[in-house]
Amino acid sequence: MPLDSDRLQEIVVELLSRPGHEKVRSLVYDLLVQGLEATSEQVRFEEHIREVRGRADALLGRTILEFKRNLRVELEDAEEQLARYIGQRQRETGEHYIGIATDGAEFITYELRDDSLAELARHTPSIDDPGALLAWLDSAVAIQPEIPPEPEAVRKELGRESLAYHVARTNLGRLWQEVKTTPDVELKRTLWADLLQMVYGESVDADDLFFQHTYLTIVAKTMATRALGIPLPPPANLLSGKAFRDASITGAVESDFFDWILDAPAGDVLV
């Protein structure tokens, strides 16, 4: 049964109370299965990780979840476990894994970089916006295998008709409302529209097109950076092309109009 707004609100309220390991696990299960429509069979609890002492609390696709009673006092333990579990899974499968530690009141994502655990992003659920937790989980949880670098696979998984694009489009619209009157952001939008008018000979300024260009630019910069064979840098460095400057490569990935997303409070999370 899909997750309705009332039930989602109840889940967020209960998660924020840090209700304990087992209850957090149960509530997150509801979010994954009813909210993100993962199948029950896809969510595996107490998954044994071979050659590593202990069991992962939950495994969904390429995401390992570790539930705690209170991350304020158990964060070090959660990170130590995730580092071991992610490392072993990556060695076994050759695929990239994401780790999530949560006590309900806070969700933290991690990946391994040079065999060390690196924090990616944090999310704090909000009673005022319970849907934001579901949107964040949708962006954070890696259910499918990594996408092969083939045109049809990229189009299907990341193109304009994909679920990834529709989720991003909704969130881009929300972030735009938060920052659209900021002078720097307004200037970037104006310069973008003026450039398109020069190209097409008439005004084509439209939110949908601007958001589509923002999405495609971020995806393209991500692909280009991964082609260097390095871990993804923080969002600001990714969009500015710092990795390319460090490698003395110019004119490939640089700052542009679409960095406006970083002006929004949750823009780096969406990137």
C-alpha atoms as a PDB file:
ATOM      1  CA  MET A   1       0.000   0.000   0.000  1.00  0.00           C
ATOM      2  CA  PRO A   2       1.455   3.407  -0.984  1.00  0.00           C
ATOM      3  CA  LEU A   3       2.405   5.756   1.815  1.00  0.00           C
ATOM      4  CA  ASP A   4      -0.210   8.488   2.306  1.00  0.00           C
ATOM      5  CA  SER A   5       0.626  11.926   3.695  1.00  0.00           C
ATOM      6  CA  ASP A   6      -0.887  11.259   7.134  1.00  0.00           C
ATOM      7  CA  ARG A   7       1.130   8.074   7.614  1.00  0.00           C
ATOM      8  CA  LEU A   8       4.296   9.800   6.378  1.00  0.00           C
ATOM      9  CA  GLN A   9       3.740  12.566   8.935  1.00  0.00           C
ATOM     10  CA  GLU A  10       3.321   9.968  11.709  1.00  0.00           C
ATOM     11  CA  ILE A  11       6.531   8.207  10.698  1.00  0.00           C
ATOM     12  CA  VAL A  12       8.548  11.431  10.705  1.00  0.00           C
ATOM     13  CA  VAL A  13       7.183  12.476  14.109  1.00  0.00           C
ATOM     14  CA  GLU A  14       8.086   9.107  15.579  1.00  0.00           C
ATOM     15  CA  LEU A  15      11.540   9.028  13.973  1.00  0.00           C
ATOM     16  CA  LEU A  16      12.377  12.437  15.418  1.00  0.00           C
ATOM     17  CA  SER A  17      11.793  11.018  18.910  1.00  0.00           C
ATOM     18  CA  ARG A  18      14.689   8.561  18.418  1.00  0.00           C
ATOM     19  CA  PRO A  19      12.444   5.593  19.286  1.00  0.00           C
ATOM     20  CA  GLY A  20      15.228   2.969  19.396  1.00  0.00           C
ATOM     21  CA  HIS A  21      16.997   0.549  17.068  1.00  0.00           C
ATOM     22  CA  GLU A  22      14.122  -1.835  16.295  1.00  0.00           C
ATOM     23  CA  LYS A  23      11.454   0.842  15.859  1.00  0.00           C
ATOM     24  CA  VAL A  24      13.694   2.939  13.600  1.00  0.00           C
ATOM     25  CA  ARG A  25      14.338  -0.149  11.510  1.00  0.00           C
ATOM     26  CA  SER A  26      10.600  -0.808  11.203  1.00  0.00           C
ATOM     27  CA  LEU A  27       9.784   2.788  10.293  1.00  0.00           C
ATOM     28  CA  VAL A  28      12.574   3.023   7.713  1.00  0.00           C
ATOM     29  CA  TYR A  29      11.331  -0.258   6.233  1.00  0.00           C
ATOM     30  CA  ASP A  30       7.921   1.380   5.713  1.00  0.00           C
ATOM     31  CA  LEU A  31       9.587   4.357   4.017  1.00  0.00           C
ATOM     32  CA  LEU A  32      11.570   2.112   1.677  1.00  0.00           C
ATOM     33  CA  VAL A  33       8.772  -0.298   0.762  1.00  0.00           C
ATOM     34  CA  GLN A  34       5.667   1.884   0.880  1.00  0.00           C
ATOM     35  CA  GLY A  35       7.308   5.216   0.127  1.00  0.00           C
ATOM     36  CA  LEU A  36      10.014   4.319  -2.422  1.00  0.00           C
ATOM     37  CA  GLU A  37       8.215   1.173  -3.616  1.00  0.00           C
ATOM     38  CA  ALA A  38      11.136  -1.173  -3.078  1.00  0.00           C
ATOM     39  CA  THR A  39       9.906  -4.747  -2.823  1.00  0.00           C
ATOM     40  CA  SER A  40       9.919  -6.431   0.555  1.00  0.00           C
ATOM     41  CA  GLU A  41      12.325  -9.034  -0.830  1.00  0.00           C
ATOM     42  CA  GLN A  42      14.816  -6.328  -1.772  1.00  0.00           C
ATOM     43  CA  VAL A  43      15.176  -5.135   1.824  1.00  0.00           C
ATOM     44  CA  ARG A  44      17.346  -7.684   3.647  1.00  0.00           C
ATOM     45  CA  PHE A  45      17.757  -7.370   7.394  1.00  0.00           C
ATOM     46  CA  GLU A  46      20.712  -8.621   9.462  1.00  0.00           C
ATOM     47  CA  GLU A  47      22.645  -9.398   6.292  1.00  0.00           C
ATOM     48  CA  HIS A  48      25.768 -11.416   7.050  1.00  0.00           C
ATOM     49  CA  ILE A  49      28.881  -9.828   5.554  1.00  0.00           C
ATOM     50  CA  ARG A  50      31.389 -12.564   4.821  1.00  0.00           C
ATOM     51  CA  GLU A  51      34.887 -12.173   6.257  1.00  0.00           C
ATOM     52  CA  VAL A  52      33.641  -9.319   8.467  1.00  0.00           C
ATOM     53  CA  ARG A  53      32.506  -9.844  12.023  1.00  0.00           C
ATOM     54  CA  GLY A  54      28.883  -8.782  12.478  1.00  0.00           C
ATOM     55  CA  ARG A  55      25.813  -8.278  10.349  1.00  0.00           C
ATOM     56  CA  ALA A  56      24.581  -5.198   8.489  1.00  0.00           C
ATOM     57  CA  ASP A  57      21.282  -3.997   9.944  1.00  0.00           C
ATOM     58  CA  ALA A  58      19.750  -3.706   6.477  1.00  0.00           C
ATOM     59  CA  LEU A  59      20.859  -4.049   2.867  1.00  0.00           C
ATOM     60  CA  LEU A  60      18.917  -2.589  -0.062  1.00  0.00           C
ATOM     61  CA  GLY A  61      20.569  -2.806  -3.447  1.00  0.00           C
ATOM     62  CA  ARG A  62      23.911  -1.026  -3.092  1.00  0.00           C
ATOM     63  CA  THR A  63      22.952   0.715   0.155  1.00  0.00           C
ATOM     64  CA  ILE A  64      23.878  -0.526   3.631  1.00  0.00           C
ATOM     65  CA  LEU A  65      21.864   0.894   6.502  1.00  0.00           C
ATOM     66  CA  GLU A  66      23.003   1.002  10.121  1.00  0.00           C
ATOM     67  CA  PHE A  67      20.392   1.828  12.768  1.00  0.00           C
ATOM     68  CA  LYS A  68      21.295   3.262  16.164  1.00  0.00           C
ATOM     69  CA  ARG A  69      19.434   4.413  19.262  1.00  0.00           C
ATOM     70  CA  ASN A  70      21.268   7.743  19.413  1.00  0.00           C
ATOM     71  CA  LEU A  71      23.922   8.849  16.920  1.00  0.00           C
ATOM     72  CA  ARG A  72      25.058  11.598  19.284  1.00  0.00           C
ATOM     73  CA  VAL A  73      26.726   8.904  21.365  1.00  0.00           C
ATOM     74  CA  GLU A  74      26.980   5.996  18.878  1.00  0.00           C
ATOM     75  CA  LEU A  75      28.246   7.749  15.741  1.00  0.00           C
ATOM     76  CA  GLU A  76      31.786   6.398  16.015  1.00  0.00           C
ATOM     77  CA  ASP A  77      30.482   2.842  16.354  1.00  0.00           C
ATOM     78  CA  ALA A  78      28.139   3.283  13.369  1.00  0.00           C
ATOM     79  CA  GLU A  79      30.944   4.655  11.199  1.00  0.00           C
ATOM     80  CA  GLU A  80      33.307   1.842  12.164  1.00  0.00           C
ATOM     81  CA  GLN A  81      30.705  -0.757  11.215  1.00  0.00           C
ATOM     82  CA  LEU A  82      29.789   0.908   7.927  1.00  0.00           C
ATOM     83  CA  ALA A  83      33.439   1.193   6.921  1.00  0.00           C
ATOM     84  CA  ARG A  84      33.904  -2.562   7.377  1.00  0.00           C
ATOM     85  CA  TYR A  85      30.637  -3.561   5.724  1.00  0.00           C
ATOM     86  CA  ILE A  86      30.984  -1.236   2.710  1.00  0.00           C
ATOM     87  CA  GLY A  87      34.574  -2.280   2.136  1.00  0.00           C
ATOM     88  CA  GLN A  88      33.759  -5.954   2.144  1.00  0.00           C
ATOM     89  CA  ARG A  89      30.720  -5.609  -0.115  1.00  0.00           C
ATOM     90  CA  GLN A  90      32.713  -3.577  -2.627  1.00  0.00           C
ATOM     91  CA  ARG A  91      35.495  -6.143  -2.650  1.00  0.00           C
ATOM     92  CA  GLU A  92      32.976  -8.951  -3.176  1.00  0.00           C
ATOM     93  CA  THR A  93      30.907  -7.316  -5.912  1.00  0.00           C
ATOM     94  CA  GLY A  94      33.205  -4.768  -7.563  1.00  0.00           C
ATOM     95  CA  GLU A  95      30.382  -2.218  -7.262  1.00  0.00           C
ATOM     96  CA  HIS A  96      30.193   1.080  -5.414  1.00  0.00           C
ATOM     97  CA  TYR A  97      28.188   1.051  -2.162  1.00  0.00           C
ATOM     98  CA  ILE A  98      26.622   3.794  -0.075  1.00  0.00           C
ATOM     99  CA  GLY A  99      26.187   3.626   3.713  1.00  0.00           C
ATOM    100  CA  ILE A 100      23.477   5.324   5.765  1.00  0.00           C
ATOM    101  CA  ALA A 101      23.631   5.704   9.542  1.00  0.00           C
ATOM    102  CA  THR A 102      20.485   6.839  11.317  1.00  0.00           C
ATOM    103  CA  ASP A 103      18.822   7.048  14.687  1.00  0.00           C
ATOM    104  CA  GLY A 104      15.643   8.421  13.131  1.00  0.00           C
ATOM    105  CA  ALA A 105      16.337  12.032  14.034  1.00  0.00           C
ATOM    106  CA  GLU A 106      19.307  12.271  11.680  1.00  0.00           C
ATOM    107  CA  PHE A 107      20.350  10.467   8.510  1.00  0.00           C
ATOM    108  CA  ILE A 108      23.996  10.514   7.361  1.00  0.00           C
ATOM    109  CA  THR A 109      25.302   9.061   4.105  1.00  0.00           C
ATOM    110  CA  TYR A 110      28.828   7.772   3.538  1.00  0.00           C
ATOM    111  CA  GLU A 111      31.072   6.233   0.924  1.00  0.00           C
ATOM    112  CA  LEU A 112      34.595   4.829   0.981  1.00  0.00           C
ATOM    113  CA  ARG A 113      37.376   6.987  -0.449  1.00  0.00           C
ATOM    114  CA  ASP A 114      40.849   5.452  -0.513  1.00  0.00           C
ATOM    115  CA  ASP A 115      39.650   2.858   2.013  1.00  0.00           C
ATOM    116  CA  SER A 116      38.523   5.574   4.453  1.00  0.00           C
ATOM    117  CA  LEU A 117      34.896   6.380   5.267  1.00  0.00           C
ATOM    118  CA  ALA A 118      33.872   9.797   3.936  1.00  0.00           C
ATOM    119  CA  GLU A 119      30.667  11.594   4.847  1.00  0.00           C
ATOM    120  CA  LEU A 120      28.562  12.642   1.858  1.00  0.00           C
ATOM    121  CA  ALA A 121      25.501  14.431   3.225  1.00  0.00           C
ATOM    122  CA  ARG A 122      23.174  14.732   6.202  1.00  0.00           C
ATOM    123  CA  HIS A 123      19.421  15.085   6.440  1.00  0.00           C
ATOM    124  CA  THR A 124      17.304  15.999   9.448  1.00  0.00           C
ATOM    125  CA  PRO A 125      13.627  15.079   9.041  1.00  0.00           C
ATOM    126  CA  SER A 126      11.161  17.931   9.503  1.00  0.00           C
ATOM    127  CA  ILE A 127       7.622  17.804  10.865  1.00  0.00           C
ATOM    128  CA  ASP A 128       6.803  20.800   8.662  1.00  0.00           C
ATOM    129  CA  ASP A 129       7.989  19.023   5.507  1.00  0.00           C
ATOM    130  CA  PRO A 130       7.782  15.243   5.987  1.00  0.00           C
ATOM    131  CA  GLY A 131       7.967  14.646   2.239  1.00  0.00           C
ATOM    132  CA  ALA A 132      11.514  15.993   2.210  1.00  0.00           C
ATOM    133  CA  LEU A 133      12.732  12.858   4.014  1.00  0.00           C
ATOM    134  CA  LEU A 134      11.229  10.628   1.348  1.00  0.00           C
ATOM    135  CA  ALA A 135      12.743  12.761  -1.417  1.00  0.00           C
ATOM    136  CA  TRP A 136      16.119  12.679   0.298  1.00  0.00           C
ATOM    137  CA  LEU A 137      16.017   8.904   0.728  1.00  0.00           C
ATOM    138  CA  ASP A 138      15.049   8.534  -2.917  1.00  0.00           C
ATOM    139  CA  SER A 139      18.184  10.426  -3.913  1.00  0.00           C
ATOM    140  CA  ALA A 140      20.432   8.699  -1.357  1.00  0.00           C
ATOM    141  CA  VAL A 141      19.453   5.040  -1.649  1.00  0.00           C
ATOM    142  CA  ALA A 142      21.245   3.213  -4.470  1.00  0.00           C
ATOM    143  CA  ILE A 143      18.921   0.361  -5.410  1.00  0.00           C
ATOM    144  CA  GLN A 144      20.045  -0.467  -8.943  1.00  0.00           C
ATOM    145  CA  PRO A 145      23.529  -1.550 -10.093  1.00  0.00           C
ATOM    146  CA  GLU A 146      25.774   1.179 -11.434  1.00  0.00           C
ATOM    147  CA  ILE A 147      24.658   2.381 -14.870  1.00  0.00           C
ATOM    148  CA  PRO A 148      26.845   1.082 -17.714  1.00  0.00           C
ATOM    149  CA  PRO A 149      28.336   3.885 -19.860  1.00  0.00           C
ATOM    150  CA  GLU A 150      26.104   3.178 -22.847  1.00  0.00           C
ATOM    151  CA  PRO A 151      23.824   5.775 -24.501  1.00  0.00           C
ATOM    152  CA  GLU A 152      20.567   3.820 -24.184  1.00  0.00           C
ATOM    153  CA  ALA A 153      21.206   2.922 -20.540  1.00  0.00           C
ATOM    154  CA  VAL A 154      22.018   6.536 -19.688  1.00  0.00           C
ATOM    155  CA  ARG A 155      18.920   7.784 -21.512  1.00  0.00           C
ATOM    156  CA  LYS A 156      16.686   5.279 -19.736  1.00  0.00           C
ATOM    157  CA  GLU A 157      18.046   5.867 -16.245  1.00  0.00           C
ATOM    158  CA  LEU A 158      18.900   9.586 -16.388  1.00  0.00           C
ATOM    159  CA  GLY A 159      17.058  11.032 -19.393  1.00  0.00           C
ATOM    160  CA  ARG A 160      14.076  13.375 -19.452  1.00  0.00           C
ATOM    161  CA  GLU A 161      11.564  10.540 -19.105  1.00  0.00           C
ATOM    162  CA  SER A 162      13.397   8.868 -16.206  1.00  0.00           C
ATOM    163  CA  LEU A 163      12.312   8.762 -12.588  1.00  0.00           C
ATOM    164  CA  ALA A 164      15.621  10.381 -11.640  1.00  0.00           C
ATOM    165  CA  TYR A 165      14.835  13.428 -13.772  1.00  0.00           C
ATOM    166  CA  HIS A 166      11.287  13.809 -12.506  1.00  0.00           C
ATOM    167  CA  VAL A 167      12.440  13.657  -8.889  1.00  0.00           C
ATOM    168  CA  ALA A 168      15.196  16.178  -9.619  1.00  0.00           C
ATOM    169  CA  ARG A 169      12.797  18.446 -11.540  1.00  0.00           C
ATOM    170  CA  THR A 170      10.425  18.643  -8.562  1.00  0.00           C
ATOM    171  CA  ASN A 171      13.246  19.465  -6.179  1.00  0.00           C
ATOM    172  CA  LEU A 172      14.818  22.011  -8.547  1.00  0.00           C
ATOM    173  CA  GLY A 173      11.514  23.853  -8.667  1.00  0.00           C
ATOM    174  CA  ARG A 174      11.319  23.918  -4.884  1.00  0.00           C
ATOM    175  CA  LEU A 175      14.895  25.173  -4.511  1.00  0.00           C
ATOM    176  CA  TRP A 176      14.365  27.818  -7.200  1.00  0.00           C
ATOM    177  CA  GLN A 177      11.498  29.338  -5.205  1.00  0.00           C
ATOM    178  CA  GLU A 178      13.884  29.757  -2.272  1.00  0.00           C
ATOM    179  CA  VAL A 179      16.613  31.653  -4.129  1.00  0.00           C
ATOM    180  CA  LYS A 180      15.133  33.140  -7.315  1.00  0.00           C
ATOM    181  CA  THR A 181      15.193  36.710  -5.955  1.00  0.00           C
ATOM    182  CA  THR A 182      18.843  36.508  -4.888  1.00  0.00           C
ATOM    183  CA  PRO A 183      20.817  39.015  -7.021  1.00  0.00           C
ATOM    184  CA  ASP A 184      23.538  36.557  -8.085  1.00  0.00           C
ATOM    185  CA  VAL A 185      20.961  33.925  -8.983  1.00  0.00           C
ATOM    186  CA  GLU A 186      18.828  36.425 -10.898  1.00  0.00           C
ATOM    187  CA  LEU A 187      21.893  37.494 -12.879  1.00  0.00           C
ATOM    188  CA  LYS A 188      22.768  33.911 -13.832  1.00  0.00           C
ATOM    189  CA  ARG A 189      19.203  33.294 -15.023  1.00  0.00           C
ATOM    190  CA  THR A 190      19.200  36.535 -17.047  1.00  0.00           C
ATOM    191  CA  LEU A 191      22.542  35.786 -18.703  1.00  0.00           C
ATOM    192  CA  TRP A 192      21.339  32.282 -19.577  1.00  0.00           C
ATOM    193  CA  ALA A 193      18.122  33.661 -21.118  1.00  0.00           C
ATOM    194  CA  ASP A 194      19.996  36.366 -23.048  1.00  0.00           C
ATOM    195  CA  LEU A 195      22.387  33.796 -24.490  1.00  0.00           C
ATOM    196  CA  LEU A 196      19.531  31.568 -25.651  1.00  0.00           C
ATOM    197  CA  GLN A 197      17.797  34.544 -27.249  1.00  0.00           C
ATOM    198  CA  MET A 198      20.964  35.268 -29.225  1.00  0.00           C
ATOM    199  CA  VAL A 199      21.069  31.665 -30.410  1.00  0.00           C
ATOM    200  CA  TYR A 200      17.366  31.239 -31.293  1.00  0.00           C
ATOM    201  CA  GLY A 201      16.489  34.800 -32.222  1.00  0.00           C
ATOM    202  CA  GLU A 202      13.601  34.971 -29.766  1.00  0.00           C
ATOM    203  CA  SER A 203      13.011  34.685 -26.047  1.00  0.00           C
ATOM    204  CA  VAL A 204      12.872  31.084 -24.847  1.00  0.00           C
ATOM    205  CA  ASP A 205      13.173  31.830 -21.117  1.00  0.00           C
ATOM    206  CA  ALA A 206      11.137  29.211 -19.222  1.00  0.00           C
ATOM    207  CA  ASP A 207      11.476  27.508 -15.861  1.00  0.00           C
ATOM    208  CA  ASP A 208      11.215  23.999 -17.306  1.00  0.00           C
ATOM    209  CA  LEU A 209      14.021  24.598 -19.778  1.00  0.00           C
ATOM    210  CA  PHE A 210      16.218  26.267 -17.170  1.00  0.00           C
ATOM    211  CA  PHE A 211      15.736  23.366 -14.756  1.00  0.00           C
ATOM    212  CA  GLN A 212      16.361  20.847 -17.535  1.00  0.00           C
ATOM    213  CA  HIS A 213      19.635  22.569 -18.445  1.00  0.00           C
ATOM    214  CA  THR A 214      20.622  22.665 -14.765  1.00  0.00           C
ATOM    215  CA  TYR A 215      19.958  18.940 -14.376  1.00  0.00           C
ATOM    216  CA  LEU A 216      21.778  17.976 -17.579  1.00  0.00           C
ATOM    217  CA  THR A 217      24.778  20.131 -16.708  1.00  0.00           C
ATOM    218  CA  ILE A 218      25.137  18.509 -13.282  1.00  0.00           C
ATOM    219  CA  VAL A 219      24.822  15.018 -14.780  1.00  0.00           C
ATOM    220  CA  ALA A 220      27.355  15.837 -17.510  1.00  0.00           C
ATOM    221  CA  LYS A 221      29.856  17.305 -15.042  1.00  0.00           C
ATOM    222  CA  THR A 222      29.463  14.213 -12.870  1.00  0.00           C
ATOM    223  CA  MET A 223      30.125  11.901 -15.811  1.00  0.00           C
ATOM    224  CA  ALA A 224      33.134  13.938 -16.891  1.00  0.00           C
ATOM    225  CA  THR A 225      34.598  13.908 -13.386  1.00  0.00           C
ATOM    226  CA  ARG A 226      34.089  10.160 -13.016  1.00  0.00           C
ATOM    227  CA  ALA A 227      35.871   9.709 -16.342  1.00  0.00           C
ATOM    228  CA  LEU A 228      38.980  11.035 -14.603  1.00  0.00           C
ATOM    229  CA  GLY A 229      38.860   7.909 -12.439  1.00  0.00           C
ATOM    230  CA  ILE A 230      38.610   9.812  -9.144  1.00  0.00           C
ATOM    231  CA  PRO A 231      36.006   9.839  -6.341  1.00  0.00           C
ATOM    232  CA  LEU A 232      33.370  12.533  -6.687  1.00  0.00           C
ATOM    233  CA  PRO A 233      34.399  15.746  -4.893  1.00  0.00           C
ATOM    234  CA  PRO A 234      32.031  17.884  -2.777  1.00  0.00           C
ATOM    235  CA  PRO A 235      29.235  19.525  -4.828  1.00  0.00           C
ATOM    236  CA  ALA A 236      30.865  22.978  -5.055  1.00  0.00           C
ATOM    237  CA  ASN A 237      34.139  21.493  -6.331  1.00  0.00           C
ATOM    238  CA  LEU A 238      32.265  19.187  -8.704  1.00  0.00           C
ATOM    239  CA  LEU A 239      30.378  22.025 -10.384  1.00  0.00           C
ATOM    240  CA  SER A 240      33.383  24.357 -10.511  1.00  0.00           C
ATOM    241  CA  GLY A 241      35.605  21.711 -12.136  1.00  0.00           C
ATOM    242  CA  LYS A 242      38.284  21.817  -9.427  1.00  0.00           C
ATOM    243  CA  ALA A 243      39.424  18.287 -10.269  1.00  0.00           C
ATOM    244  CA  PHE A 244      40.116  19.380 -13.847  1.00  0.00           C
ATOM    245  CA  ARG A 245      42.031  22.474 -12.763  1.00  0.00           C
ATOM    246  CA  ASP A 246      44.089  20.295 -10.421  1.00  0.00           C
ATOM    247  CA  ALA A 247      44.895  18.089 -13.412  1.00  0.00           C
ATOM    248  CA  SER A 248      45.793  21.174 -15.525  1.00  0.00           C
ATOM    249  CA  ILE A 249      42.815  20.575 -17.837  1.00  0.00           C
ATOM    250  CA  THR A 250      41.028  23.776 -18.865  1.00  0.00           C
ATOM    251  CA  GLY A 251      37.823  24.401 -20.795  1.00  0.00           C
ATOM    252  CA  ALA A 252      36.220  21.070 -19.897  1.00  0.00           C
ATOM    253  CA  VAL A 253      34.298  21.571 -16.634  1.00  0.00           C
ATOM    254  CA  GLU A 254      33.996  25.062 -15.188  1.00  0.00           C
ATOM    255  CA  SER A 255      31.594  27.219 -13.180  1.00  0.00           C
ATOM    256  CA  ASP A 256      28.557  28.426 -15.128  1.00  0.00           C
ATOM    257  CA  PHE A 257      24.965  29.686 -14.857  1.00  0.00           C
ATOM    258  CA  PHE A 258      23.778  26.468 -13.282  1.00  0.00           C
ATOM    259  CA  ASP A 259      25.810  26.775 -10.089  1.00  0.00           C
ATOM    260  CA  TRP A 260      22.804  28.732  -8.794  1.00  0.00           C
ATOM    261  CA  ILE A 261      21.650  25.523  -7.133  1.00  0.00           C
ATOM    262  CA  LEU A 262      24.412  25.853  -4.516  1.00  0.00           C
ATOM    263  CA  ASP A 263      22.840  29.104  -3.263  1.00  0.00           C
ATOM    264  CA  ALA A 264      19.848  27.119  -1.985  1.00  0.00           C
ATOM    265  CA  PRO A 265      20.178  25.690   1.560  1.00  0.00           C
ATOM    266  CA  ALA A 266      19.685  22.088   0.377  1.00  0.00           C
ATOM    267  CA  GLY A 267      21.205  22.538  -3.074  1.00  0.00           C
ATOM    268  CA  ASP A 268      24.367  20.582  -2.283  1.00  0.00           C
ATOM    269  CA  VAL A 269      22.247  17.612  -1.152  1.00  0.00           C
ATOM    270  CA  LEU A 270      20.360  17.564  -4.444  1.00  0.00           C
ATOM    271  CA  VAL A 271      23.612  17.726  -6.427  1.00  0.00           C
END
